[in-house]
Protein backbone atom coordinates (compact mmCIF):
# COMPACT_ATOMS: atom_id res chain seq x y z
CA GLN A 1 0.12 0.09 -0.13
CA VAL A 2 1.07 3.69 -0.60
CA GLN A 3 -0.53 6.60 0.94
CA LEU A 4 -0.14 10.09 -0.77
CA VAL A 5 -1.02 13.33 1.07
CA GLU A 6 -1.27 16.44 -1.10
CA SER A 7 -0.67 19.91 0.20
CA GLY A 8 -0.38 23.57 -0.85
CA GLY A 9 -3.76 24.34 -2.55
CA GLY A 10 -5.73 27.66 -1.86
CA LEU A 11 -6.94 30.68 -3.41
CA VAL A 12 -4.79 32.94 -5.70
CA GLN A 13 -5.37 35.53 -8.19
CA SER A 14 -5.10 35.15 -11.88
CA GLY A 15 -1.75 35.25 -13.03
CA GLY A 16 -0.43 34.21 -9.51
CA SER A 17 1.43 31.09 -8.65
CA LEU A 18 1.18 28.12 -6.36
CA ARG A 19 3.29 25.13 -5.53
CA LEU A 20 1.52 21.88 -4.86
CA SER A 21 3.33 18.87 -2.74
CA CYS A 22 2.43 15.39 -2.60
CA ALA A 23 4.47 13.06 -0.10
CA ALA A 24 4.30 9.50 -0.52
CA SER A 25 4.69 6.86 2.13
CA GLY A 26 4.27 2.87 2.43
CA ARG A 27 5.66 0.72 -0.27
CA THR A 28 7.38 3.72 -2.41
CA VAL A 29 9.89 1.38 -3.41
CA SER A 30 7.94 0.12 -6.61
CA THR A 31 6.86 3.50 -7.79
CA TYR A 32 7.14 3.83 -11.37
CA ALA A 33 5.73 7.08 -11.99
CA MET A 34 3.70 10.11 -10.38
CA GLY A 35 1.21 12.33 -11.78
CA TRP A 36 -1.18 15.15 -11.14
CA PHE A 37 -4.69 15.09 -12.20
CA ARG A 38 -7.50 17.62 -11.62
CA GLN A 39 -11.39 17.81 -11.70
CA ALA A 40 -13.34 20.90 -12.12
CA PRO A 41 -17.08 20.88 -10.89
CA GLY A 42 -19.38 19.15 -13.31
CA LYS A 43 -16.20 17.95 -15.11
CA GLU A 44 -14.47 14.91 -15.66
CA ARG A 45 -10.87 14.18 -14.04
CA GLU A 46 -8.16 15.23 -16.52
CA PHE A 47 -4.40 14.71 -16.85
CA VAL A 48 -2.25 17.55 -15.88
CA THR A 49 1.24 16.24 -15.65
CA ALA A 50 3.29 13.23 -14.79
CA ILE A 51 6.87 12.28 -13.99
CA ASN A 52 8.99 8.96 -14.48
CA TRP A 53 10.30 8.31 -10.97
CA GLY A 54 13.31 6.58 -11.99
CA THR A 55 14.44 8.75 -15.26
CA GLY A 56 12.71 12.21 -14.40
CA PHE A 57 11.10 12.36 -17.83
CA THR A 58 8.06 14.70 -17.58
CA TYR A 59 4.74 14.66 -19.64
CA TYR A 60 2.44 17.69 -19.70
CA ALA A 61 -0.97 18.48 -20.88
CA ASN A 62 -1.08 20.75 -23.57
CA SER A 63 -3.31 23.39 -21.51
CA VAL A 64 -0.42 23.69 -18.91
CA LYS A 65 2.73 23.34 -20.95
CA GLY A 66 5.06 26.21 -20.14
CA ARG A 67 3.29 27.33 -17.16
CA PHE A 68 3.38 24.11 -15.06
CA THR A 69 6.54 22.27 -13.89
CA ILE A 70 6.48 18.88 -12.05
CA SER A 71 9.52 17.85 -10.07
CA ARG A 72 10.40 15.08 -7.79
CA ASP A 73 12.57 14.80 -4.63
CA ARG A 74 13.36 10.78 -4.40
CA ALA A 75 15.03 11.10 -1.06
CA LYS A 76 11.63 12.63 0.38
CA ASN A 77 9.39 10.48 -1.99
CA THR A 78 7.76 13.85 -2.66
CA VAL A 79 6.49 15.17 -5.98
CA TYR A 80 5.82 18.80 -6.64
CA LEU A 81 3.58 20.84 -9.06
CA GLN A 82 4.89 24.46 -9.64
CA MET A 83 2.06 26.38 -11.10
CA GLY A 84 2.48 29.79 -12.82
CA SER A 85 0.42 32.09 -14.81
CA LEU A 86 -2.63 30.56 -13.30
CA LYS A 87 -6.06 31.12 -14.92
CA PRO A 88 -9.61 30.66 -13.57
CA GLU A 89 -9.88 27.76 -15.74
CA ASP A 90 -7.23 26.08 -13.70
CA THR A 91 -9.85 26.02 -10.70
CA ALA A 92 -9.92 22.42 -9.58
CA VAL A 93 -9.51 19.89 -7.08
CA TYR A 94 -6.07 18.67 -7.86
CA TYR A 95 -5.18 15.13 -7.07
CA CYS A 96 -1.76 13.35 -7.07
CA ALA A 97 -1.37 9.61 -8.13
CA THR A 98 1.13 6.99 -8.53
CA THR A 99 1.31 3.87 -10.52
CA VAL A 100 3.83 0.76 -10.05
CA ASN A 101 3.18 -0.34 -13.65
CA ALA A 102 5.91 0.20 -16.20
CA TYR A 103 3.33 -0.18 -18.92
CA SER A 104 0.93 2.21 -17.59
CA ASN A 105 -0.39 4.99 -19.90
CA LEU A 106 0.54 7.88 -17.61
CA TYR A 107 -2.25 10.29 -19.38
CA ARG A 108 -5.10 7.73 -17.99
CA SER A 109 -6.31 8.09 -14.50
CA ASP A 110 -7.25 4.23 -14.66
CA ASP A 111 -3.82 3.23 -15.09
CA TYR A 112 -2.60 4.67 -11.54
CA ASN A 113 -2.89 2.45 -8.51
CA TYR A 114 -3.05 5.08 -5.55
CA TRP A 115 -4.43 8.51 -5.34
CA GLY A 116 -4.41 11.08 -2.77
CA GLN A 117 -7.32 13.00 -1.14
CA GLY A 118 -6.92 16.06 -3.48
CA THR A 119 -6.12 19.61 -2.53
CA GLN A 120 -8.58 22.75 -3.79
CA VAL A 121 -6.99 25.33 -5.90
CA THR A 122 -9.09 28.40 -6.95
CA VAL A 123 -8.01 31.02 -9.28
CA SER A 124 -10.12 34.32 -9.01
CA SER A 125 -10.41 36.35 -12.04
């Protein structure tokens, strides 16, 4: 089992920045990748970004490319999401997730094994 705890959400004005953190505990030795997803009210959960835990290779949704940066600290078993140039449409609950499967499609939420509880990000206009 892996436990994920997100932190860092909040209210920010349009154009502002926030950094989210997700700390993993438990059987983290098997981690293949970690990702961030978000879900806005009335919408489906969508992929934001992911990082290969071993290589550090990163993946981004087109909607956040150039504004968001994912990074990891392997010693702390923590993944970060630095969000900049925030827009009202970025408002959502942000979830971190992890997968232990090397064949995972990192863009698909169904391919992740463990999820955090989510943290609210609200961007005001």
